[in-house]
Amino acid sequence: MLRKLFIARFFFSNPLDNRPTGLYVAGMNEKSETGGEARQAKREALIERAAAIFARKGYRSCGVQELIGELGLSKGGFYWYFSSKEDLYREICRAQCRRHREIFLELLANEMLDTDMALAVTRRMLDWFLDRPDDMRLIMDFHHESHTPAIREELSRLDRDWTRILADVIEKLAAKGLICKVASSEDLARQCLVFFHGVLLLYGAQGDKSAVHEAWNLFLRRMFLSDQVRREGV
């Protein structure tokens, strides 16, 4: 009797929620690990599909009902995986930026750290975005929605991560005398991030890769390189 009451209490603890909270916890513990892995895999697949939808339509133009329809979910199914549209969007932001960071670090790991490598990596990263309009539109959309507290908090955290990564590269290059000494590597790293987003906006407005490369190379010459490297050319 007590066992039945225990299960019933969990099962009916939240009658407005479509998620099977109680029986999963009280009666299916032996399947929890497998079920959790399957749910996470499904959640990640939904995040990837939703990213393409938001890239195409934008966050504000895509309502929950429309999103649910395109994902092929019921309303209860959607809220089983995500607490809100904002929650899903924040997860997309995390997943996309994590992927970009991994690509950048992979490019760095494949080369010896010198000025030519650093310049080549930043150009290749820039071209990676220019050749992937969905990713570029998502980045622009993320920043457009930065007035939303949760999105702003997530973007701030990601900017801090990128600042640390770039500052570390700047410090290593400066220690080798390959770029100008700077008072603050983090300040310069932040300027890089701002300008990088700026050239993506430039490409979005003009669609001219050569103009984007020219603007980026000019920034690198003026902000990064030592006088000797400037004379030799980028």
Protein backbone atom coordinates (compact mmCIF):
# COMPACT_ATOMS: atom_id res chain seq x y z
CA MET A 1 0.00 0.00 0.00
CA LEU A 2 2.76 2.42 0.96
CA ARG A 3 4.61 1.56 -2.25
CA LYS A 4 1.51 2.39 -4.32
CA LEU A 5 1.07 5.70 -2.50
CA PHE A 6 4.74 6.52 -3.09
CA ILE A 7 4.44 5.95 -6.84
CA ALA A 8 1.10 7.79 -7.06
CA ARG A 9 2.51 10.81 -5.24
CA PHE A 10 5.29 11.13 -7.80
CA PHE A 11 3.08 10.48 -10.78
CA PHE A 12 0.44 13.06 -9.87
CA SER A 13 2.76 15.64 -8.35
CA ASN A 14 2.43 17.97 -11.37
CA PRO A 15 -0.84 17.26 -13.22
CA LEU A 16 -0.36 20.21 -15.63
CA ASP A 17 2.95 18.87 -16.90
CA ASN A 18 2.94 16.38 -19.76
CA ARG A 19 6.23 14.88 -18.65
CA PRO A 20 6.10 11.43 -16.94
CA THR A 21 7.93 12.52 -13.83
CA GLY A 22 6.86 10.00 -11.25
CA LEU A 23 6.89 6.54 -12.77
CA TYR A 24 10.17 7.29 -14.48
CA VAL A 25 11.78 8.15 -11.16
CA ALA A 26 10.06 5.67 -8.90
CA GLY A 27 9.55 2.63 -11.11
CA MET A 28 12.09 2.75 -13.93
CA ASN A 29 15.43 3.45 -12.30
CA GLU A 30 17.04 0.52 -14.04
CA LYS A 31 16.31 2.21 -17.40
CA SER A 32 17.19 5.75 -16.36
CA GLU A 33 20.70 5.78 -17.80
CA THR A 34 19.66 4.45 -21.21
CA GLY A 35 16.56 6.64 -21.26
CA GLY A 36 18.59 9.68 -20.30
CA GLU A 37 21.09 9.06 -23.09
CA ALA A 38 18.31 8.63 -25.66
CA ARG A 39 16.61 11.81 -24.48
CA GLN A 40 19.87 13.76 -24.68
CA ALA A 41 20.56 12.46 -28.20
CA LYS A 42 17.06 13.46 -29.29
CA ARG A 43 17.47 16.85 -27.64
CA GLU A 44 20.74 17.50 -29.48
CA ALA A 45 19.12 16.52 -32.79
CA LEU A 46 16.26 18.95 -32.12
CA ILE A 47 18.74 21.72 -31.30
CA GLU A 48 20.50 21.19 -34.63
CA ARG A 49 17.24 21.20 -36.58
CA ALA A 50 15.93 24.24 -34.73
CA ALA A 51 19.16 26.12 -35.48
CA ALA A 52 18.42 25.84 -39.21
CA ILE A 53 14.86 27.08 -38.61
CA PHE A 54 16.00 30.11 -36.60
CA ALA A 55 18.73 30.86 -39.15
CA ARG A 56 16.09 30.94 -41.87
CA LYS A 57 13.33 32.80 -40.03
CA GLY A 58 14.94 34.58 -37.10
CA TYR A 59 14.14 34.21 -33.43
CA ARG A 60 11.37 36.80 -33.25
CA SER A 61 9.64 35.73 -36.47
CA CYS A 62 9.31 32.10 -35.42
CA GLY A 63 6.59 31.41 -32.84
CA VAL A 64 6.47 28.37 -30.59
CA GLN A 65 3.56 26.78 -32.46
CA GLU A 66 5.29 27.19 -35.80
CA LEU A 67 8.52 25.85 -34.34
CA ILE A 68 6.74 22.82 -32.88
CA GLY A 69 5.16 22.09 -36.25
CA GLU A 70 8.46 22.23 -38.13
CA LEU A 71 10.15 20.03 -35.55
CA GLY A 72 7.33 17.49 -35.75
CA LEU A 73 6.60 17.59 -32.03
CA SER A 74 3.48 17.88 -29.95
CA LYS A 75 3.29 20.78 -27.54
CA GLY A 76 3.89 18.43 -24.63
CA GLY A 77 6.82 16.87 -26.50
CA PHE A 78 8.44 20.25 -27.02
CA TYR A 79 8.20 21.14 -23.34
CA TRP A 80 9.57 17.73 -22.40
CA TYR A 81 12.84 18.72 -24.04
CA PHE A 82 12.88 22.51 -23.50
CA SER A 83 11.32 24.76 -20.90
CA SER A 84 10.63 27.54 -23.45
CA LYS A 85 11.54 28.88 -26.89
CA GLU A 86 14.14 31.04 -25.15
CA ASP A 87 15.64 27.97 -23.50
CA LEU A 88 15.96 26.26 -26.90
CA TYR A 89 17.48 29.38 -28.45
CA ARG A 90 20.01 29.65 -25.64
CA GLU A 91 21.01 26.01 -26.17
CA ILE A 92 21.47 26.70 -29.88
CA CYS A 93 23.69 29.66 -29.02
CA ARG A 94 25.81 27.45 -26.76
CA ALA A 95 26.06 24.63 -29.28
CA GLN A 96 26.98 26.90 -32.19
CA CYS A 97 29.60 28.86 -30.29
CA ARG A 98 31.08 25.68 -28.84
CA ARG A 99 31.45 24.31 -32.36
CA HIS A 100 33.10 27.52 -33.58
CA ARG A 101 35.53 27.45 -30.66
CA GLU A 102 36.44 23.82 -31.33
CA ILE A 103 37.11 24.59 -34.99
CA PHE A 104 39.35 27.55 -34.08
CA LEU A 105 41.33 25.54 -31.53
CA GLU A 106 41.68 22.67 -33.98
CA LEU A 107 43.13 25.06 -36.56
CA LEU A 108 45.59 26.39 -33.99
CA ALA A 109 46.61 22.89 -32.92
CA ASN A 110 47.53 21.93 -36.47
CA GLU A 111 50.10 24.69 -36.91
CA MET A 112 53.22 26.06 -35.28
CA LEU A 113 52.35 29.23 -33.40
CA ASP A 114 53.83 32.13 -35.34
CA THR A 115 52.52 35.26 -37.01
CA ASP A 116 51.84 33.67 -40.39
CA MET A 117 49.93 30.85 -38.70
CA ALA A 118 47.88 33.22 -36.57
CA LEU A 119 46.95 35.33 -39.58
CA ALA A 120 46.14 32.26 -41.66
CA VAL A 121 43.96 30.77 -38.92
CA THR A 122 41.93 33.96 -38.50
CA ARG A 123 41.43 34.20 -42.26
CA ARG A 124 40.38 30.58 -42.49
CA MET A 125 37.96 31.08 -39.62
CA LEU A 126 36.55 34.13 -41.37
CA ASP A 127 36.14 32.20 -44.62
CA TRP A 128 34.48 29.37 -42.69
CA PHE A 129 31.71 31.78 -41.69
CA LEU A 130 31.48 33.45 -45.09
CA ASP A 131 30.90 30.05 -46.69
CA ARG A 132 28.19 29.13 -44.16
CA PRO A 133 25.43 31.74 -44.30
CA ASP A 134 23.25 29.91 -41.75
CA ASP A 135 25.95 30.11 -39.09
CA MET A 136 26.60 33.75 -39.93
CA ARG A 137 22.90 34.65 -39.72
CA LEU A 138 22.63 32.88 -36.36
CA ILE A 139 25.53 34.88 -34.91
CA MET A 140 23.94 38.11 -36.08
CA ASP A 141 20.57 37.03 -34.69
CA PHE A 142 22.10 36.09 -31.32
CA HIS A 143 23.52 39.59 -30.95
CA HIS A 144 20.31 41.18 -32.19
CA GLU A 145 18.50 39.44 -29.31
CA SER A 146 21.09 40.49 -26.72
CA HIS A 147 18.52 42.76 -25.04
CA THR A 148 16.91 39.56 -23.70
CA PRO A 149 18.50 38.99 -20.24
CA ALA A 150 19.08 35.23 -20.65
CA ILE A 151 20.57 35.64 -24.14
CA ARG A 152 22.70 38.59 -23.02
CA GLU A 153 24.03 36.54 -20.11
CA GLU A 154 24.89 33.64 -22.41
CA LEU A 155 26.61 35.88 -24.95
CA SER A 156 28.61 37.56 -22.17
CA ARG A 157 29.82 34.18 -20.96
CA LEU A 158 30.79 33.12 -24.48
CA ASP A 159 32.56 36.42 -25.14
CA ARG A 160 34.58 35.89 -21.97
CA ASP A 161 35.59 32.43 -23.18
CA TRP A 162 36.66 33.75 -26.59
CA THR A 163 38.50 36.66 -24.98
CA ARG A 164 40.60 34.24 -22.90
CA ILE A 165 41.40 32.10 -25.95
CA LEU A 166 42.46 35.05 -28.10
CA ALA A 167 44.32 36.77 -25.26
CA ASP A 168 46.40 33.61 -24.78
CA VAL A 169 47.35 33.60 -28.48
CA ILE A 170 48.21 37.31 -28.35
CA GLU A 171 50.43 36.86 -25.29
CA LYS A 172 52.32 33.96 -26.89
CA LEU A 173 52.94 35.91 -30.09
CA ALA A 174 54.02 39.01 -28.14
CA ALA A 175 56.43 36.93 -26.06
CA LYS A 176 58.11 35.82 -29.31
CA GLY A 177 58.34 39.43 -30.50
CA LEU A 178 56.10 38.70 -33.45
CA ILE A 179 53.47 41.33 -32.64
CA CYS A 180 53.44 44.65 -30.83
CA LYS A 181 53.60 44.58 -27.07
CA VAL A 182 50.22 45.55 -25.66
CA ALA A 183 49.18 46.85 -22.26
CA SER A 184 46.28 44.43 -22.10
CA SER A 185 45.97 41.31 -24.23
CA GLU A 186 42.35 40.95 -23.12
CA ASP A 187 41.46 44.45 -24.38
CA LEU A 188 43.00 43.65 -27.75
CA ALA A 189 41.19 40.31 -27.83
CA ARG A 190 37.87 42.09 -27.22
CA GLN A 191 38.62 44.49 -30.07
CA CYS A 192 39.26 41.49 -32.31
CA LEU A 193 35.87 40.01 -31.44
CA VAL A 194 34.07 43.29 -32.09
CA PHE A 195 35.82 43.80 -35.41
CA PHE A 196 35.25 40.18 -36.45
CA HIS A 197 31.50 40.63 -35.95
CA GLY A 198 31.79 43.91 -37.82
CA VAL A 199 33.29 42.35 -40.95
CA LEU A 200 30.59 39.68 -40.88
CA LEU A 201 28.02 42.46 -40.90
CA LEU A 202 29.91 44.08 -43.77
CA TYR A 203 29.67 40.88 -45.76
CA GLY A 204 25.98 40.57 -44.93
CA ALA A 205 25.42 44.08 -46.30
CA GLN A 206 27.67 43.91 -49.37
CA GLY A 207 28.24 40.22 -50.12
CA ASP A 208 31.80 41.04 -51.19
CA LYS A 209 34.46 38.68 -49.82
CA SER A 210 37.35 40.75 -51.13
CA ALA A 211 36.13 43.81 -49.19
CA VAL A 212 35.84 41.71 -46.03
CA HIS A 213 39.37 40.31 -46.43
CA GLU A 214 40.77 43.76 -47.09
CA ALA A 215 39.11 45.20 -43.98
CA TRP A 216 40.28 42.28 -41.83
CA ASN A 217 43.88 42.44 -43.09
CA LEU A 218 44.00 46.20 -42.48
CA PHE A 219 42.80 45.69 -38.93
CA LEU A 220 45.45 43.04 -38.30
CA ARG A 221 48.24 45.25 -39.67
CA ARG A 222 47.30 48.20 -37.52
CA MET A 223 46.37 46.43 -34.31
CA PHE A 224 48.60 43.37 -34.07
CA LEU A 225 51.80 43.42 -35.97
CA SER A 226 55.18 44.74 -34.96
CA ASP A 227 56.87 47.40 -37.12
CA GLN A 228 59.18 44.76 -38.63
CA VAL A 229 56.32 42.52 -39.63
CA ARG A 230 54.38 45.50 -41.00
CA ARG A 231 57.29 46.38 -43.26
CA GLU A 232 57.48 42.80 -44.53
CA GLY A 233 53.74 42.79 -45.23
CA VAL A 234 50.89 40.61 -44.01
